C-alpha cells in the first residue's frame, strides 16, 4: 500500500479551481475515488497572511489530494492513465515556455509519481509578521484504499480521440510557440554577439540548434550554479572537471532553481545535460559541426 499524491497548480491565466470543483472533476474521471480514503490540503506556499494588517498575501495557490491506495507499485501507471483520462474529459491544455516549448498540462502534475520525488508538504517558513494558516487537512471518503486498477489505461479508440484533442490544442497555441521561439532566438543571438564575440550567422545557428532540436553546440553559453559562465566547448574539453556539475536551465537561466540542470559527461553515450525544469528535458552536447569534402580516392585524407 501507499499514498498517491495529486498536485494541482492553477494555470497562470484564468481563475483557479476551488476545492469542490477540483474534487468533482477527479470524481468524474475516477468515480471510485469518491468512496476511497483521501485527504485535501492547500499546497506548501498557500495561505500566507500578514498578522499586523490581516492582508492575505497568498490564497490557496495550489492544492494537494492524498489518496490511500492498495498497491503503490501501480502509482506511476495509474497516474499516467489518470492524466490521460483528465485530458480526454476536457481538462487538458498546452502552456508555452519563454523559449517556445510546448508544455502539456492537465489538472494534476504528471512529474510527481517517480519513486525518488519528494513532496514538500511541511509548509512555509514564515517570519513575523507573516504567518501561514492552511488549517487541518480535510479527510474525505471512507476508511478503505483505492484500487488503482480501476483507473484503466486508454483503449485504442480513446487514444485516437486523445491524439485528435491534443492536435487541436497544439494548433490553438501554434502562433504563441512561433512568436516565443523567434523572440528567444533573437535575444540569444544579440547576447552571443555582444558578450561572446560570435558573428551573427554562427550565433543564430547556435541559438536555433538549442531551441529547435535541444542540441547545445560548442559556442553555447551555460551558467553554472555559482553564476560562472562557461561554454559547452570548455565543458567538453574538461569533462572530469564538469561531470556531475549543476547549472541553470540552458534555455531559461532565470528559472527559479539555479542548480536544476545536471551534467552527465561520462555515460558512455553522447554527453548531455538534463534539466528538471518544466517536467524535464535532455540536451545533447556537440562540438561545432565541420564540413568534410570527399573526393574520389580521398577517403584516407578525409579521416
C-alpha atoms as a PDB file:
ATOM      1  CA  UNK A   1       0.000   0.000   0.000  1.00  0.00           C
ATOM      2  CA  UNK A   2       0.924   3.661  -0.153  1.00  0.00           C
ATOM      3  CA  UNK A   3      -0.148   7.215  -0.970  1.00  0.00           C
ATOM      4  CA  UNK A   4      -0.977   8.601  -4.405  1.00  0.00           C
ATOM      5  CA  UNK A   5      -0.335  12.362  -4.315  1.00  0.00           C
ATOM      6  CA  UNK A   6      -2.277  14.531  -6.744  1.00  0.00           C
ATOM      7  CA  UNK A   7      -0.789  18.010  -7.143  1.00  0.00           C
ATOM      8  CA  UNK A   8      -2.979  20.759  -8.613  1.00  0.00           C
ATOM      9  CA  UNK A   9      -1.365  24.042  -9.679  1.00  0.00           C
ATOM     10  CA  UNK A  10      -3.687  26.669 -11.144  1.00  0.00           C
ATOM     11  CA  UNK A  11      -2.992  27.986 -14.662  1.00  0.00           C
ATOM     12  CA  UNK A  12      -1.108  31.276 -14.954  1.00  0.00           C
ATOM     13  CA  UNK A  13      -4.015  32.713 -16.923  1.00  0.00           C
ATOM     14  CA  UNK A  14      -7.557  32.205 -15.744  1.00  0.00           C
ATOM     15  CA  UNK A  15      -9.214  31.580 -12.410  1.00  0.00           C
ATOM     16  CA  UNK A  16      -8.028  28.719 -10.181  1.00  0.00           C
ATOM     17  CA  UNK A  17     -10.390  25.875  -9.344  1.00  0.00           C
ATOM     18  CA  UNK A  18     -11.897  25.752  -5.889  1.00  0.00           C
ATOM     19  CA  UNK A  19     -11.699  22.626  -3.759  1.00  0.00           C
ATOM     20  CA  UNK A  20     -15.118  21.270  -4.662  1.00  0.00           C
ATOM     21  CA  UNK A  21     -14.663  21.874  -8.388  1.00  0.00           C
ATOM     22  CA  UNK A  22     -11.297  20.088  -8.330  1.00  0.00           C
ATOM     23  CA  UNK A  23     -12.637  17.123  -6.398  1.00  0.00           C
ATOM     24  CA  UNK A  24     -15.716  16.776  -8.586  1.00  0.00           C
ATOM     25  CA  UNK A  25     -13.527  16.826 -11.703  1.00  0.00           C
ATOM     26  CA  UNK A  26     -11.423  13.997 -10.259  1.00  0.00           C
ATOM     27  CA  UNK A  27     -14.509  12.026  -9.196  1.00  0.00           C
ATOM     28  CA  UNK A  28     -15.946  12.440 -12.691  1.00  0.00           C
ATOM     29  CA  UNK A  29     -12.946  10.591 -14.156  1.00  0.00           C
ATOM     30  CA  UNK A  30     -12.443   8.122 -11.263  1.00  0.00           C
ATOM     31  CA  UNK A  31     -15.854   7.558  -9.621  1.00  0.00           C
ATOM     32  CA  UNK A  32     -14.401   5.061  -7.117  1.00  0.00           C
ATOM     33  CA  UNK A  33     -12.209   7.819  -5.674  1.00  0.00           C
ATOM     34  CA  UNK A  34     -15.241   9.419  -4.021  1.00  0.00           C
ATOM     35  CA  UNK A  35     -15.581   6.484  -1.588  1.00  0.00           C
ATOM     36  CA  UNK A  36     -11.863   5.809  -1.067  1.00  0.00           C
ATOM     37  CA  UNK A  37      -9.827   7.261   1.802  1.00  0.00           C
ATOM     38  CA  UNK A  38      -8.338  10.579   0.676  1.00  0.00           C
ATOM     39  CA  UNK A  39      -7.499  13.986   2.082  1.00  0.00           C
ATOM     40  CA  UNK A  40      -7.353  17.527   0.698  1.00  0.00           C
ATOM     41  CA  UNK A  41      -4.941  20.275   1.789  1.00  0.00           C
ATOM     42  CA  UNK A  42      -3.606  23.545   0.350  1.00  0.00           C
ATOM     43  CA  UNK A  43      -0.065  23.450  -1.024  1.00  0.00           C
ATOM     44  CA  UNK A  44       3.007  24.469   0.977  1.00  0.00           C
ATOM     45  CA  UNK A  45       3.063  28.045  -0.357  1.00  0.00           C
ATOM     46  CA  UNK A  46      -0.630  28.746   0.267  1.00  0.00           C
ATOM     47  CA  UNK A  47      -2.493  30.834   2.835  1.00  0.00           C
ATOM     48  CA  UNK A  48       0.240  33.237   4.000  1.00  0.00           C
ATOM     49  CA  UNK A  49      -1.135  36.205   5.952  1.00  0.00           C
ATOM     50  CA  UNK A  50       0.334  39.435   7.356  1.00  0.00           C
ATOM     51  CA  UNK A  51      -0.679  39.285  11.024  1.00  0.00           C
ATOM     52  CA  UNK A  52      -0.317  43.057  11.505  1.00  0.00           C
ATOM     53  CA  UNK A  53      -2.615  44.030   8.643  1.00  0.00           C
ATOM     54  CA  UNK A  54      -4.625  40.792   8.149  1.00  0.00           C
ATOM     55  CA  UNK A  55      -3.705  41.041   4.465  1.00  0.00           C
ATOM     56  CA  UNK A  56      -3.767  37.703   2.644  1.00  0.00           C
ATOM     57  CA  UNK A  57      -0.541  37.595   0.613  1.00  0.00           C
ATOM     58  CA  UNK A  58      -1.318  34.230  -0.940  1.00  0.00           C
ATOM     59  CA  UNK A  59      -4.617  32.436  -1.014  1.00  0.00           C
ATOM     60  CA  UNK A  60      -4.874  28.789  -1.939  1.00  0.00           C
ATOM     61  CA  UNK A  61      -2.115  28.901  -4.558  1.00  0.00           C
ATOM     62  CA  UNK A  62      -2.137  25.155  -5.130  1.00  0.00           C
ATOM     63  CA  UNK A  63      -3.886  22.049  -3.825  1.00  0.00           C
ATOM     64  CA  UNK A  64      -2.915  18.522  -2.852  1.00  0.00           C
ATOM     65  CA  UNK A  65      -5.120  15.438  -2.778  1.00  0.00           C
ATOM     66  CA  UNK A  66      -3.602  12.467  -0.951  1.00  0.00           C
ATOM     67  CA  UNK A  67      -5.173   9.106  -1.810  1.00  0.00           C
ATOM     68  CA  UNK A  68      -4.591   5.876   0.079  1.00  0.00           C
ATOM     69  CA  UNK A  69      -4.035   3.098  -2.475  1.00  0.00           C
ATOM     70  CA  UNK A  70      -3.845  -0.678  -2.262  1.00  0.00           C
ATOM     71  CA  UNK A  71      -0.745  -1.089  -4.416  1.00  0.00           C
ATOM     72  CA  UNK A  72       1.821   1.730  -4.511  1.00  0.00           C
ATOM     73  CA  UNK A  73       3.739  -0.059  -7.263  1.00  0.00           C
ATOM     74  CA  UNK A  74       0.888   0.813  -9.617  1.00  0.00           C
ATOM     75  CA  UNK A  75       1.073   4.567  -8.916  1.00  0.00           C
ATOM     76  CA  UNK A  76       3.225   5.528 -11.979  1.00  0.00           C
ATOM     77  CA  UNK A  77       0.915   3.653 -14.363  1.00  0.00           C
ATOM     78  CA  UNK A  78      -2.271   4.804 -12.661  1.00  0.00           C
ATOM     79  CA  UNK A  79      -1.078   8.405 -12.574  1.00  0.00           C
ATOM     80  CA  UNK A  80      -0.339   8.358 -16.292  1.00  0.00           C
ATOM     81  CA  UNK A  81      -3.748   6.829 -17.014  1.00  0.00           C
ATOM     82  CA  UNK A  82      -5.466   9.402 -14.779  1.00  0.00           C
ATOM     83  CA  UNK A  83      -3.738  12.270 -16.592  1.00  0.00           C
ATOM     84  CA  UNK A  84      -4.781  10.880 -19.977  1.00  0.00           C
ATOM     85  CA  UNK A  85      -8.374  10.480 -18.840  1.00  0.00           C
ATOM     86  CA  UNK A  86      -8.431  14.019 -17.458  1.00  0.00           C
ATOM     87  CA  UNK A  87      -7.259  15.333 -20.832  1.00  0.00           C
ATOM     88  CA  UNK A  88      -9.845  13.194 -22.572  1.00  0.00           C
ATOM     89  CA  UNK A  89     -12.514  14.721 -20.305  1.00  0.00           C
ATOM     90  CA  UNK A  90     -11.553  18.235 -21.424  1.00  0.00           C
ATOM     91  CA  UNK A  91      -9.103  19.114 -18.659  1.00  0.00           C
ATOM     92  CA  UNK A  92      -6.020  19.388 -20.875  1.00  0.00           C
ATOM     93  CA  UNK A  93      -4.126  22.330 -22.304  1.00  0.00           C
ATOM     94  CA  UNK A  94      -0.710  23.353 -23.599  1.00  0.00           C
ATOM     95  CA  UNK A  95       1.278  26.105 -21.945  1.00  0.00           C
ATOM     96  CA  UNK A  96       4.180  27.619 -23.894  1.00  0.00           C
ATOM     97  CA  UNK A  97       7.583  28.327 -22.337  1.00  0.00           C
ATOM     98  CA  UNK A  98       9.538  31.533 -22.979  1.00  0.00           C
ATOM     99  CA  UNK A  99      11.672  29.640 -25.492  1.00  0.00           C
ATOM    100  CA  UNK A 100       8.631  28.294 -27.370  1.00  0.00           C
ATOM    101  CA  UNK A 101       8.450  24.763 -25.953  1.00  0.00           C
ATOM    102  CA  UNK A 102       5.047  23.118 -25.705  1.00  0.00           C
ATOM    103  CA  UNK A 103       4.263  22.157 -22.098  1.00  0.00           C
ATOM    104  CA  UNK A 104       1.398  19.639 -21.788  1.00  0.00           C
ATOM    105  CA  UNK A 105      -0.739  20.345 -18.736  1.00  0.00           C
ATOM    106  CA  UNK A 106      -3.794  18.914 -17.042  1.00  0.00           C
ATOM    107  CA  UNK A 107      -5.356  19.252 -13.575  1.00  0.00           C
ATOM    108  CA  UNK A 108      -2.574  17.311 -11.874  1.00  0.00           C
ATOM    109  CA  UNK A 109       1.201  17.473 -12.184  1.00  0.00           C
ATOM    110  CA  UNK A 110       2.381  14.386 -14.081  1.00  0.00           C
ATOM    111  CA  UNK A 111       6.008  14.700 -12.907  1.00  0.00           C
ATOM    112  CA  UNK A 112       5.438  13.754  -9.259  1.00  0.00           C
ATOM    113  CA  UNK A 113       4.998   9.991  -9.419  1.00  0.00           C
ATOM    114  CA  UNK A 114       8.584   8.809  -9.756  1.00  0.00           C
ATOM    115  CA  UNK A 115       9.694   6.940  -6.608  1.00  0.00           C
ATOM    116  CA  UNK A 116      12.505   9.436  -5.932  1.00  0.00           C
ATOM    117  CA  UNK A 117      10.241  12.512  -5.908  1.00  0.00           C
ATOM    118  CA  UNK A 118       9.736  14.417  -2.652  1.00  0.00           C
ATOM    119  CA  UNK A 119       6.543  16.169  -1.576  1.00  0.00           C
ATOM    120  CA  UNK A 120       7.405  19.419   0.171  1.00  0.00           C
ATOM    121  CA  UNK A 121       4.331  19.334   2.377  1.00  0.00           C
ATOM    122  CA  UNK A 122       5.566  20.906   5.620  1.00  0.00           C
ATOM    123  CA  UNK A 123       4.585  24.455   4.731  1.00  0.00           C
ATOM    124  CA  UNK A 124       6.363  27.790   4.524  1.00  0.00           C
ATOM    125  CA  UNK A 125       8.996  29.073   6.968  1.00  0.00           C
ATOM    126  CA  UNK A 126       7.453  32.444   7.868  1.00  0.00           C
ATOM    127  CA  UNK A 127       8.995  35.289   9.839  1.00  0.00           C
ATOM    128  CA  UNK A 128       6.833  37.777  11.785  1.00  0.00           C
ATOM    129  CA  UNK A 129       4.572  39.441  10.954  1.00  0.00           C
ATOM    130  CA  UNK A 130       3.915  36.763   8.335  1.00  0.00           C
ATOM    131  CA  UNK A 131       2.200  33.535   9.296  1.00  0.00           C
ATOM    132  CA  UNK A 132       0.702  30.594   7.462  1.00  0.00           C
ATOM    133  CA  UNK A 133      -2.741  29.234   8.221  1.00  0.00           C
ATOM    134  CA  UNK A 134      -3.639  26.307   5.972  1.00  0.00           C
ATOM    135  CA  UNK A 135      -5.910  24.701   8.557  1.00  0.00           C
ATOM    136  CA  UNK A 136      -6.049  20.952   9.048  1.00  0.00           C
ATOM    137  CA  UNK A 137      -6.196  18.526   6.127  1.00  0.00           C
ATOM    138  CA  UNK A 138      -9.774  17.723   5.145  1.00  0.00           C
ATOM    139  CA  UNK A 139     -10.418  13.985   5.377  1.00  0.00           C
ATOM    140  CA  UNK A 140     -12.747  12.571   2.738  1.00  0.00           C
ATOM    141  CA  UNK A 141     -14.230   9.229   1.690  1.00  0.00           C
ATOM    142  CA  UNK A 142     -14.373   6.072   3.730  1.00  0.00           C
ATOM    143  CA  UNK A 143     -11.653   4.130   5.510  1.00  0.00           C
ATOM    144  CA  UNK A 144     -10.646   1.968   2.565  1.00  0.00           C
ATOM    145  CA  UNK A 145      -7.855   2.263  -0.010  1.00  0.00           C
ATOM    146  CA  UNK A 146      -8.383   2.904  -3.701  1.00  0.00           C
ATOM    147  CA  UNK A 147      -7.825   0.029  -6.079  1.00  0.00           C
ATOM    148  CA  UNK A 148      -5.845   1.872  -8.761  1.00  0.00           C
ATOM    149  CA  UNK A 149      -6.578  -0.875 -11.281  1.00  0.00           C
ATOM    150  CA  UNK A 150      -9.946   0.844 -11.645  1.00  0.00           C
ATOM    151  CA  UNK A 151      -8.084   3.706 -13.351  1.00  0.00           C
ATOM    152  CA  UNK A 152      -7.907   1.850 -16.641  1.00  0.00           C
ATOM    153  CA  UNK A 153      -5.464   2.552 -19.439  1.00  0.00           C
ATOM    154  CA  UNK A 154      -6.994   4.148 -22.528  1.00  0.00           C
ATOM    155  CA  UNK A 155      -8.494   1.929 -25.184  1.00  0.00           C
ATOM    156  CA  UNK A 156      -7.273   2.303 -28.766  1.00  0.00           C
ATOM    157  CA  UNK A 157     -10.391   4.311 -29.608  1.00  0.00           C
ATOM    158  CA  UNK A 158      -9.779   6.610 -26.645  1.00  0.00           C
ATOM    159  CA  UNK A 159      -6.117   7.033 -27.623  1.00  0.00           C
ATOM    160  CA  UNK A 160      -7.153   8.123 -31.114  1.00  0.00           C
ATOM    161  CA  UNK A 161      -9.593  10.631 -29.674  1.00  0.00           C
ATOM    162  CA  UNK A 162      -6.928  11.987 -27.323  1.00  0.00           C
ATOM    163  CA  UNK A 163      -4.466  12.417 -30.214  1.00  0.00           C
ATOM    164  CA  UNK A 164      -7.092  14.470 -32.033  1.00  0.00           C
ATOM    165  CA  UNK A 165      -7.783  16.647 -28.972  1.00  0.00           C
ATOM    166  CA  UNK A 166      -4.077  17.260 -28.396  1.00  0.00           C
ATOM    167  CA  UNK A 167      -3.556  18.129 -32.049  1.00  0.00           C
ATOM    168  CA  UNK A 168      -6.315  20.731 -31.788  1.00  0.00           C
ATOM    169  CA  UNK A 169      -4.836  22.113 -28.562  1.00  0.00           C
ATOM    170  CA  UNK A 170      -1.385  22.430 -30.165  1.00  0.00           C
ATOM    171  CA  UNK A 171      -2.846  24.211 -33.176  1.00  0.00           C
ATOM    172  CA  UNK A 172      -4.546  26.703 -30.871  1.00  0.00           C
ATOM    173  CA  UNK A 173      -1.191  27.868 -29.444  1.00  0.00           C
ATOM    174  CA  UNK A 174       0.974  27.443 -32.570  1.00  0.00           C
ATOM    175  CA  UNK A 175       1.205  31.215 -33.041  1.00  0.00           C
ATOM    176  CA  UNK A 176       2.489  31.614 -29.467  1.00  0.00           C
ATOM    177  CA  UNK A 177       5.102  28.865 -29.997  1.00  0.00           C
ATOM    178  CA  UNK A 178       6.371  30.607 -33.154  1.00  0.00           C
ATOM    179  CA  UNK A 179       6.437  34.064 -31.572  1.00  0.00           C
ATOM    180  CA  UNK A 180       8.224  32.888 -28.420  1.00  0.00           C
ATOM    181  CA  UNK A 181      10.867  30.965 -30.399  1.00  0.00           C
ATOM    182  CA  UNK A 182      11.529  33.943 -32.650  1.00  0.00           C
ATOM    183  CA  UNK A 183      11.877  36.283 -29.681  1.00  0.00           C
ATOM    184  CA  UNK A 184      14.109  33.869 -27.766  1.00  0.00           C
ATOM    185  CA  UNK A 185      16.432  33.249 -30.732  1.00  0.00           C
ATOM    186  CA  UNK A 186      16.737  36.976 -31.456  1.00  0.00           C
ATOM    187  CA  UNK A 187      17.600  37.725 -27.837  1.00  0.00           C
ATOM    188  CA  UNK A 188      20.175  34.934 -27.610  1.00  0.00           C
ATOM    189  CA  UNK A 189      21.792  35.998 -30.908  1.00  0.00           C
ATOM    190  CA  UNK A 190      22.294  39.517 -29.550  1.00  0.00           C
ATOM    191  CA  UNK A 191      23.837  38.155 -26.345  1.00  0.00           C
ATOM    192  CA  UNK A 192      26.188  35.775 -28.165  1.00  0.00           C
ATOM    193  CA  UNK A 193      27.327  38.608 -30.433  1.00  0.00           C
ATOM    194  CA  UNK A 194      27.723  41.362 -27.847  1.00  0.00           C
ATOM    195  CA  UNK A 195      29.113  39.371 -24.905  1.00  0.00           C
ATOM    196  CA  UNK A 196      30.891  36.478 -26.573  1.00  0.00           C
ATOM    197  CA  UNK A 197      32.030  37.862 -29.930  1.00  0.00           C
ATOM    198  CA  UNK A 198      30.260  35.450 -32.283  1.00  0.00           C
ATOM    199  CA  UNK A 199      29.309  36.546 -35.778  1.00  0.00           C
ATOM    200  CA  UNK A 200      25.587  36.733 -36.478  1.00  0.00           C
ATOM    201  CA  UNK A 201      25.358  33.563 -38.612  1.00  0.00           C
ATOM    202  CA  UNK A 202      27.178  31.434 -36.027  1.00  0.00           C
ATOM    203  CA  UNK A 203      25.179  32.906 -33.155  1.00  0.00           C
ATOM    204  CA  UNK A 204      21.900  32.226 -34.945  1.00  0.00           C
ATOM    205  CA  UNK A 205      22.906  28.619 -35.705  1.00  0.00           C
ATOM    206  CA  UNK A 206      23.841  28.037 -32.063  1.00  0.00           C
ATOM    207  CA  UNK A 207      20.553  29.522 -30.825  1.00  0.00           C
ATOM    208  CA  UNK A 208      18.392  27.659 -33.353  1.00  0.00           C
ATOM    209  CA  UNK A 209      20.016  24.285 -32.624  1.00  0.00           C
ATOM    210  CA  UNK A 210      19.368  24.763 -28.907  1.00  0.00           C
ATOM    211  CA  UNK A 211      15.727  25.754 -29.153  1.00  0.00           C
ATOM    212  CA  UNK A 212      14.660  23.588 -32.111  1.00  0.00           C
ATOM    213  CA  UNK A 213      16.494  20.290 -31.534  1.00  0.00           C
ATOM    214  CA  UNK A 214      17.877  20.513 -27.970  1.00  0.00           C
ATOM    215  CA  UNK A 215      21.455  20.351 -29.239  1.00  0.00           C
ATOM    216  CA  UNK A 216      23.968  22.598 -27.499  1.00  0.00           C
ATOM    217  CA  UNK A 217      26.943  23.422 -29.730  1.00  0.00           C
ATOM    218  CA  UNK A 218      30.439  24.386 -28.525  1.00  0.00           C
ATOM    219  CA  UNK A 219      29.698  28.116 -28.532  1.00  0.00           C
ATOM    220  CA  UNK A 220      26.540  27.806 -26.445  1.00  0.00           C
ATOM    221  CA  UNK A 221      26.986  29.526 -23.072  1.00  0.00           C
ATOM    222  CA  UNK A 222      25.788  27.883 -19.853  1.00  0.00           C
ATOM    223  CA  UNK A 223      25.579  29.360 -16.359  1.00  0.00           C
ATOM    224  CA  UNK A 224      26.937  27.158 -13.563  1.00  0.00           C
ATOM    225  CA  UNK A 225      25.153  27.141 -10.207  1.00  0.00           C
ATOM    226  CA  UNK A 226      27.716  29.616  -8.784  1.00  0.00           C
ATOM    227  CA  UNK A 227      26.981  32.072 -11.617  1.00  0.00           C
ATOM    228  CA  UNK A 228      30.079  31.267 -13.687  1.00  0.00           C
ATOM    229  CA  UNK A 229      29.528  31.419 -17.456  1.00  0.00           C
ATOM    230  CA  UNK A 230      31.104  28.530 -19.360  1.00  0.00           C
ATOM    231  CA  UNK A 231      30.861  27.398 -22.975  1.00  0.00           C
ATOM    232  CA  UNK A 232      29.847  23.899 -23.989  1.00  0.00           C
ATOM    233  CA  UNK A 233      33.214  23.601 -25.723  1.00  0.00           C
ATOM    234  CA  UNK A 234      35.066  24.276 -22.467  1.00  0.00           C
ATOM    235  CA  UNK A 235      32.941  21.684 -20.688  1.00  0.00           C
ATOM    236  CA  UNK A 236      33.689  19.075 -23.358  1.00  0.00           C
ATOM    237  CA  UNK A 237      37.405  19.863 -23.120  1.00  0.00           C
ATOM    238  CA  UNK A 238      37.371  19.402 -19.332  1.00  0.00           C
ATOM    239  CA  UNK A 239      34.898  16.574 -18.760  1.00  0.00           C
ATOM    240  CA  UNK A 240      36.353  15.359 -15.480  1.00  0.00           C
ATOM    241  CA  UNK A 241      36.068  18.848 -14.008  1.00  0.00           C
ATOM    242  CA  UNK A 242      32.455  19.428 -15.106  1.00  0.00           C
ATOM    243  CA  UNK A 243      30.994  15.907 -14.845  1.00  0.00           C
ATOM    244  CA  UNK A 244      28.031  15.864 -12.427  1.00  0.00           C
ATOM    245  CA  UNK A 245      28.099  19.662 -12.124  1.00  0.00           C
ATOM    246  CA  UNK A 246      24.890  21.639 -11.782  1.00  0.00           C
ATOM    247  CA  UNK A 247      23.734  24.503 -13.978  1.00  0.00           C
ATOM    248  CA  UNK A 248      20.885  26.917 -14.543  1.00  0.00           C
ATOM    249  CA  UNK A 249      18.361  25.754 -17.137  1.00  0.00           C
ATOM    250  CA  UNK A 250      20.010  26.141 -20.588  1.00  0.00           C
ATOM    251  CA  UNK A 251      17.083  27.888 -22.276  1.00  0.00           C
ATOM    252  CA  UNK A 252      15.650  29.696 -19.256  1.00  0.00           C
ATOM    253  CA  UNK A 253      18.555  30.571 -16.941  1.00  0.00           C
ATOM    254  CA  UNK A 254      16.205  32.793 -14.949  1.00  0.00           C
ATOM    255  CA  UNK A 255      14.206  29.701 -13.881  1.00  0.00           C
ATOM    256  CA  UNK A 256      13.902  29.858 -10.057  1.00  0.00           C
ATOM    257  CA  UNK A 257      16.213  26.889  -9.328  1.00  0.00           C
ATOM    258  CA  UNK A 258      19.851  27.738 -10.129  1.00  0.00           C
ATOM    259  CA  UNK A 259      21.008  24.096  -9.956  1.00  0.00           C
ATOM    260  CA  UNK A 260      18.169  22.417 -11.800  1.00  0.00           C
ATOM    261  CA  UNK A 261      20.344  21.022 -14.617  1.00  0.00           C
ATOM    262  CA  UNK A 262      22.722  18.066 -14.209  1.00  0.00           C
ATOM    263  CA  UNK A 263      25.723  17.310 -16.446  1.00  0.00           C
ATOM    264  CA  UNK A 264      26.407  13.702 -17.404  1.00  0.00           C
ATOM    265  CA  UNK A 265      29.657  13.659 -19.356  1.00  0.00           C
ATOM    266  CA  UNK A 266      30.687  10.039 -18.710  1.00  0.00           C
ATOM    267  CA  UNK A 267      27.623   7.997 -19.574  1.00  0.00           C
ATOM    268  CA  UNK A 268      29.219   6.033 -22.404  1.00  0.00           C
ATOM    269  CA  UNK A 269      26.920   7.752 -24.892  1.00  0.00           C
ATOM    270  CA  UNK A 270      26.852  11.342 -26.121  1.00  0.00           C
ATOM    271  CA  UNK A 271      27.468  13.766 -23.214  1.00  0.00           C
ATOM    272  CA  UNK A 272      24.310  15.540 -22.160  1.00  0.00           C
ATOM    273  CA  UNK A 273      22.638  17.865 -19.692  1.00  0.00           C
ATOM    274  CA  UNK A 274      19.337  17.012 -18.052  1.00  0.00           C
ATOM    275  CA  UNK A 275      17.180  19.884 -16.838  1.00  0.00           C
ATOM    276  CA  UNK A 276      14.285  19.175 -14.494  1.00  0.00           C
ATOM    277  CA  UNK A 277      12.558  22.450 -15.418  1.00  0.00           C
ATOM    278  CA  UNK A 278       9.029  22.137 -16.808  1.00  0.00           C
ATOM    279  CA  UNK A 279       8.910  18.386 -16.181  1.00  0.00           C
ATOM    280  CA  UNK A 280      12.340  17.514 -17.599  1.00  0.00           C
ATOM    281  CA  UNK A 281      14.314  17.856 -20.830  1.00  0.00           C
ATOM    282  CA  UNK A 282      17.561  16.375 -22.143  1.00  0.00           C
ATOM    283  CA  UNK A 283      20.112  18.442 -24.077  1.00  0.00           C
ATOM    284  CA  UNK A 284      22.895  16.729 -26.053  1.00  0.00           C
ATOM    285  CA  UNK A 285      26.290  18.475 -26.135  1.00  0.00           C
ATOM    286  CA  UNK A 286      28.040  18.768 -29.517  1.00  0.00           C
ATOM    287  CA  UNK A 287      31.160  20.341 -30.831  1.00  0.00           C
ATOM    288  CA  UNK A 288      30.691  22.715 -33.767  1.00  0.00           C
ATOM    289  CA  UNK A 289      29.769  20.860 -36.943  1.00  0.00           C
ATOM    290  CA  UNK A 290      32.518  20.648 -39.547  1.00  0.00           C
ATOM    291  CA  UNK A 291      32.121  20.145 -43.292  1.00  0.00           C
ATOM    292  CA  UNK A 292      34.241  17.366 -44.791  1.00  0.00           C
ATOM    293  CA  UNK A 293      34.633  17.234 -48.576  1.00  0.00           C
ATOM    294  CA  UNK A 294      35.242  13.799 -50.067  1.00  0.00           C
ATOM    295  CA  UNK A 295      36.952  13.460 -53.444  1.00  0.00           C
ATOM    296  CA  UNK A 296      37.487  10.309 -55.467  1.00  0.00           C
ATOM    297  CA  UNK A 297      40.197   8.247 -53.776  1.00  0.00           C
ATOM    298  CA  UNK A 298      40.422  10.748 -50.913  1.00  0.00           C
ATOM    299  CA  UNK A 299      38.843   8.764 -48.083  1.00  0.00           C
ATOM    300  CA  UNK A 300      42.141   8.404 -46.202  1.00  0.00           C
ATOM    301  CA  UNK A 301      42.675  12.196 -46.187  1.00  0.00           C
ATOM    302  CA  UNK A 302      39.123  12.777 -45.003  1.00  0.00           C
ATOM    303  CA  UNK A 303      39.634  10.670 -41.889  1.00  0.00           C
END
